[in-house]
Amino acid sequence: MSVALQAVEVLAQEETTFSGLGAVGYGLAAIGPGIGVGIVVGKAIEGMVRQPEMAGQVRTTMFLGIAFTEALALIGLVAGFIF
């Protein structure tokens, strides 16, 4: 039996564990909500500039959009702990 096959057998028998993958997963999960918040705020500012009289209503809607988008980030954090 060749040395390469023996090495493959030894590696196959050992249990491989990766630590810290939850942090990597959450980091990837946080990218989407981060981009989403940026888009929501940018479009809200654009709407306020176009119609200043609607600024109060647009601001309220913007904060609701931010809250829902951040909820996705929290779900990603919880999923990292569960899985």
N, C-alpha and C. Protein backbone atom coordinates (compact mmCIF):
# COMPACT_ATOMS: atom_id res chain seq x y z
N MET A 1 0.85 -1.17 0.00
CA MET A 1 0.00 0.00 0.00
C MET A 1 0.89 1.24 0.00
N SER A 2 0.53 2.20 -0.80
CA SER A 2 1.38 3.39 -0.93
C SER A 2 1.21 4.30 0.29
N VAL A 3 2.16 5.17 0.43
CA VAL A 3 2.16 6.10 1.56
C VAL A 3 0.97 7.06 1.46
N ALA A 4 0.61 7.45 0.25
CA ALA A 4 -0.51 8.38 0.06
C ALA A 4 -1.82 7.74 0.51
N LEU A 5 -2.02 6.46 0.19
CA LEU A 5 -3.24 5.79 0.60
C LEU A 5 -3.29 5.61 2.12
N GLN A 6 -2.15 5.33 2.73
CA GLN A 6 -2.11 5.22 4.18
C GLN A 6 -2.45 6.56 4.84
N ALA A 7 -1.95 7.64 4.28
CA ALA A 7 -2.25 8.97 4.82
C ALA A 7 -3.73 9.29 4.70
N VAL A 8 -4.33 8.92 3.57
CA VAL A 8 -5.76 9.16 3.38
C VAL A 8 -6.58 8.36 4.37
N GLU A 9 -6.19 7.13 4.63
CA GLU A 9 -6.91 6.30 5.59
C GLU A 9 -6.81 6.87 7.00
N VAL A 10 -5.64 7.36 7.37
CA VAL A 10 -5.46 7.94 8.70
C VAL A 10 -6.31 9.20 8.83
N LEU A 11 -6.31 10.03 7.80
CA LEU A 11 -7.12 11.25 7.85
C LEU A 11 -8.61 10.95 7.87
N ALA A 12 -9.02 9.91 7.19
CA ALA A 12 -10.44 9.54 7.15
C ALA A 12 -10.89 9.01 8.51
N GLN A 13 -10.00 8.39 9.25
CA GLN A 13 -10.37 7.83 10.56
C GLN A 13 -10.46 8.91 11.63
N GLU A 14 -9.69 9.96 11.48
CA GLU A 14 -9.70 11.04 12.47
C GLU A 14 -10.95 11.89 12.30
N GLU A 15 -11.51 12.28 13.42
CA GLU A 15 -12.69 13.15 13.36
C GLU A 15 -12.21 14.59 13.22
N THR A 16 -12.72 15.25 12.24
CA THR A 16 -12.32 16.62 12.00
C THR A 16 -13.37 17.56 12.59
N THR A 17 -12.91 18.48 13.42
CA THR A 17 -13.82 19.47 13.98
C THR A 17 -13.29 20.85 13.65
N PHE A 18 -14.19 21.70 13.26
CA PHE A 18 -13.83 23.08 12.97
C PHE A 18 -14.49 23.95 14.02
N SER A 19 -13.70 24.75 14.71
CA SER A 19 -14.27 25.66 15.69
C SER A 19 -14.29 27.06 15.11
N GLY A 20 -15.27 27.82 15.50
CA GLY A 20 -15.36 29.19 15.02
C GLY A 20 -16.16 29.36 13.74
N LEU A 21 -16.77 28.30 13.24
CA LEU A 21 -17.54 28.44 12.01
C LEU A 21 -18.83 29.21 12.25
N GLY A 22 -19.34 29.20 13.47
CA GLY A 22 -20.53 29.99 13.78
C GLY A 22 -20.28 31.47 13.61
N ALA A 23 -19.09 31.93 14.00
CA ALA A 23 -18.74 33.34 13.83
C ALA A 23 -18.62 33.70 12.36
N VAL A 24 -18.05 32.80 11.59
CA VAL A 24 -17.93 33.05 10.15
C VAL A 24 -19.32 33.08 9.51
N GLY A 25 -20.19 32.17 9.93
CA GLY A 25 -21.55 32.14 9.40
C GLY A 25 -22.31 33.40 9.74
N TYR A 26 -22.15 33.88 10.98
CA TYR A 26 -22.85 35.11 11.36
C TYR A 26 -22.29 36.30 10.61
N GLY A 27 -21.00 36.30 10.39
CA GLY A 27 -20.40 37.39 9.61
C GLY A 27 -20.97 37.45 8.21
N LEU A 28 -21.13 36.29 7.61
CA LEU A 28 -21.74 36.24 6.27
C LEU A 28 -23.22 36.62 6.33
N ALA A 29 -23.91 36.23 7.40
CA ALA A 29 -25.32 36.55 7.52
C ALA A 29 -25.55 38.03 7.78
N ALA A 30 -24.58 38.71 8.35
CA ALA A 30 -24.74 40.13 8.66
C ALA A 30 -24.51 41.03 7.46
N ILE A 31 -23.96 40.48 6.39
CA ILE A 31 -23.72 41.30 5.20
C ILE A 31 -25.03 41.75 4.57
N GLY A 32 -26.00 40.84 4.46
CA GLY A 32 -27.28 41.18 3.84
C GLY A 32 -28.03 42.28 4.56
N PRO A 33 -28.26 42.14 5.88
CA PRO A 33 -28.94 43.23 6.59
C PRO A 33 -28.16 44.54 6.57
N GLY A 34 -26.85 44.48 6.57
CA GLY A 34 -26.05 45.70 6.48
C GLY A 34 -26.30 46.44 5.18
N ILE A 35 -26.33 45.69 4.10
CA ILE A 35 -26.62 46.29 2.79
C ILE A 35 -28.07 46.79 2.77
N GLY A 36 -28.98 46.02 3.36
CA GLY A 36 -30.39 46.40 3.39
C GLY A 36 -30.63 47.71 4.13
N VAL A 37 -29.98 47.88 5.27
CA VAL A 37 -30.13 49.12 6.04
C VAL A 37 -29.60 50.30 5.24
N GLY A 38 -28.48 50.10 4.57
CA GLY A 38 -27.93 51.17 3.74
C GLY A 38 -28.89 51.58 2.63
N ILE A 39 -29.51 50.62 2.00
CA ILE A 39 -30.46 50.93 0.93
C ILE A 39 -31.69 51.63 1.49
N VAL A 40 -32.22 51.15 2.62
CA VAL A 40 -33.41 51.76 3.22
C VAL A 40 -33.15 53.21 3.60
N VAL A 41 -32.03 53.48 4.25
CA VAL A 41 -31.72 54.85 4.67
C VAL A 41 -31.47 55.74 3.46
N GLY A 42 -30.76 55.22 2.49
CA GLY A 42 -30.49 56.02 1.29
C GLY A 42 -31.76 56.41 0.55
N LYS A 43 -32.67 55.46 0.39
CA LYS A 43 -33.93 55.76 -0.30
C LYS A 43 -34.82 56.68 0.53
N ALA A 44 -34.76 56.56 1.87
CA ALA A 44 -35.54 57.45 2.72
C ALA A 44 -35.03 58.89 2.61
N ILE A 45 -33.73 59.06 2.60
CA ILE A 45 -33.16 60.40 2.44
C ILE A 45 -33.53 60.96 1.08
N GLU A 46 -33.47 60.13 0.05
CA GLU A 46 -33.86 60.56 -1.28
C GLU A 46 -35.33 61.00 -1.31
N GLY A 47 -36.20 60.25 -0.63
CA GLY A 47 -37.62 60.62 -0.56
C GLY A 47 -37.85 61.91 0.20
N MET A 48 -37.08 62.12 1.28
CA MET A 48 -37.22 63.36 2.05
C MET A 48 -36.77 64.58 1.25
N VAL A 49 -35.76 64.39 0.43
CA VAL A 49 -35.27 65.50 -0.40
C VAL A 49 -36.29 65.83 -1.48
N ARG A 50 -36.93 64.83 -2.04
CA ARG A 50 -37.90 65.06 -3.11
C ARG A 50 -39.20 65.67 -2.59
N GLN A 51 -39.64 65.25 -1.40
CA GLN A 51 -40.88 65.78 -0.82
C GLN A 51 -40.64 66.09 0.66
N PRO A 52 -40.14 67.28 0.96
CA PRO A 52 -39.84 67.63 2.36
C PRO A 52 -41.06 67.60 3.27
N GLU A 53 -42.25 67.84 2.73
CA GLU A 53 -43.45 67.85 3.57
C GLU A 53 -43.81 66.47 4.08
N MET A 54 -43.30 65.41 3.47
CA MET A 54 -43.57 64.03 3.89
C MET A 54 -42.44 63.45 4.74
N ALA A 55 -41.51 64.30 5.18
CA ALA A 55 -40.32 63.82 5.89
C ALA A 55 -40.67 63.03 7.15
N GLY A 56 -41.67 63.48 7.90
CA GLY A 56 -42.04 62.78 9.14
C GLY A 56 -42.54 61.37 8.88
N GLN A 57 -43.41 61.24 7.89
CA GLN A 57 -43.95 59.91 7.57
C GLN A 57 -42.88 59.01 6.97
N VAL A 58 -42.01 59.57 6.13
CA VAL A 58 -40.93 58.78 5.52
C VAL A 58 -39.95 58.32 6.60
N ARG A 59 -39.68 59.21 7.56
CA ARG A 59 -38.74 58.85 8.64
C ARG A 59 -39.31 57.70 9.48
N THR A 60 -40.60 57.75 9.78
CA THR A 60 -41.24 56.68 10.55
C THR A 60 -41.15 55.35 9.80
N THR A 61 -41.46 55.39 8.52
CA THR A 61 -41.39 54.18 7.70
C THR A 61 -39.95 53.67 7.61
N MET A 62 -38.99 54.61 7.55
CA MET A 62 -37.58 54.22 7.49
C MET A 62 -37.18 53.45 8.75
N PHE A 63 -37.59 53.95 9.92
CA PHE A 63 -37.23 53.28 11.16
C PHE A 63 -37.87 51.90 11.26
N LEU A 64 -39.09 51.76 10.76
CA LEU A 64 -39.72 50.43 10.73
C LEU A 64 -38.95 49.49 9.81
N GLY A 65 -38.53 49.99 8.66
CA GLY A 65 -37.75 49.17 7.73
C GLY A 65 -36.42 48.75 8.32
N ILE A 66 -35.77 49.67 9.04
CA ILE A 66 -34.51 49.34 9.70
C ILE A 66 -34.73 48.26 10.77
N ALA A 67 -35.81 48.40 11.54
CA ALA A 67 -36.09 47.41 12.60
C ALA A 67 -36.31 46.02 12.01
N PHE A 68 -37.09 45.93 10.93
CA PHE A 68 -37.33 44.63 10.31
C PHE A 68 -36.05 44.06 9.70
N THR A 69 -35.22 44.92 9.13
CA THR A 69 -33.98 44.45 8.52
C THR A 69 -33.01 43.97 9.59
N GLU A 70 -32.94 44.67 10.71
CA GLU A 70 -32.06 44.24 11.79
C GLU A 70 -32.56 42.96 12.45
N ALA A 71 -33.86 42.71 12.37
CA ALA A 71 -34.39 41.45 12.91
C ALA A 71 -33.79 40.27 12.14
N LEU A 72 -33.54 40.46 10.84
CA LEU A 72 -32.89 39.40 10.08
C LEU A 72 -31.48 39.11 10.60
N ALA A 73 -30.77 40.16 10.98
CA ALA A 73 -29.42 39.96 11.53
C ALA A 73 -29.49 39.20 12.86
N LEU A 74 -30.47 39.53 13.69
CA LEU A 74 -30.60 38.81 14.95
C LEU A 74 -30.99 37.36 14.75
N ILE A 75 -31.84 37.09 13.75
CA ILE A 75 -32.18 35.71 13.44
C ILE A 75 -30.93 34.95 12.99
N GLY A 76 -30.07 35.61 12.22
CA GLY A 76 -28.81 34.99 11.80
C GLY A 76 -27.91 34.69 13.00
N LEU A 77 -27.89 35.58 13.97
CA LEU A 77 -27.08 35.36 15.18
C LEU A 77 -27.61 34.16 15.96
N VAL A 78 -28.91 34.08 16.13
CA VAL A 78 -29.52 32.97 16.87
C VAL A 78 -29.29 31.66 16.12
N ALA A 79 -29.44 31.69 14.80
CA ALA A 79 -29.23 30.47 14.01
C ALA A 79 -27.78 29.99 14.14
N GLY A 80 -26.84 30.92 14.28
CA GLY A 80 -25.45 30.53 14.49
C GLY A 80 -25.24 29.78 15.79
N PHE A 81 -25.98 30.16 16.82
CA PHE A 81 -25.87 29.46 18.10
C PHE A 81 -26.59 28.12 18.07
N ILE A 82 -27.71 28.05 17.34
CA ILE A 82 -28.49 26.81 17.31
C ILE A 82 -27.79 25.75 16.48
N PHE A 83 -27.32 26.12 15.31
CA PHE A 83 -26.73 25.15 14.40
C PHE A 83 -25.26 25.23 14.55
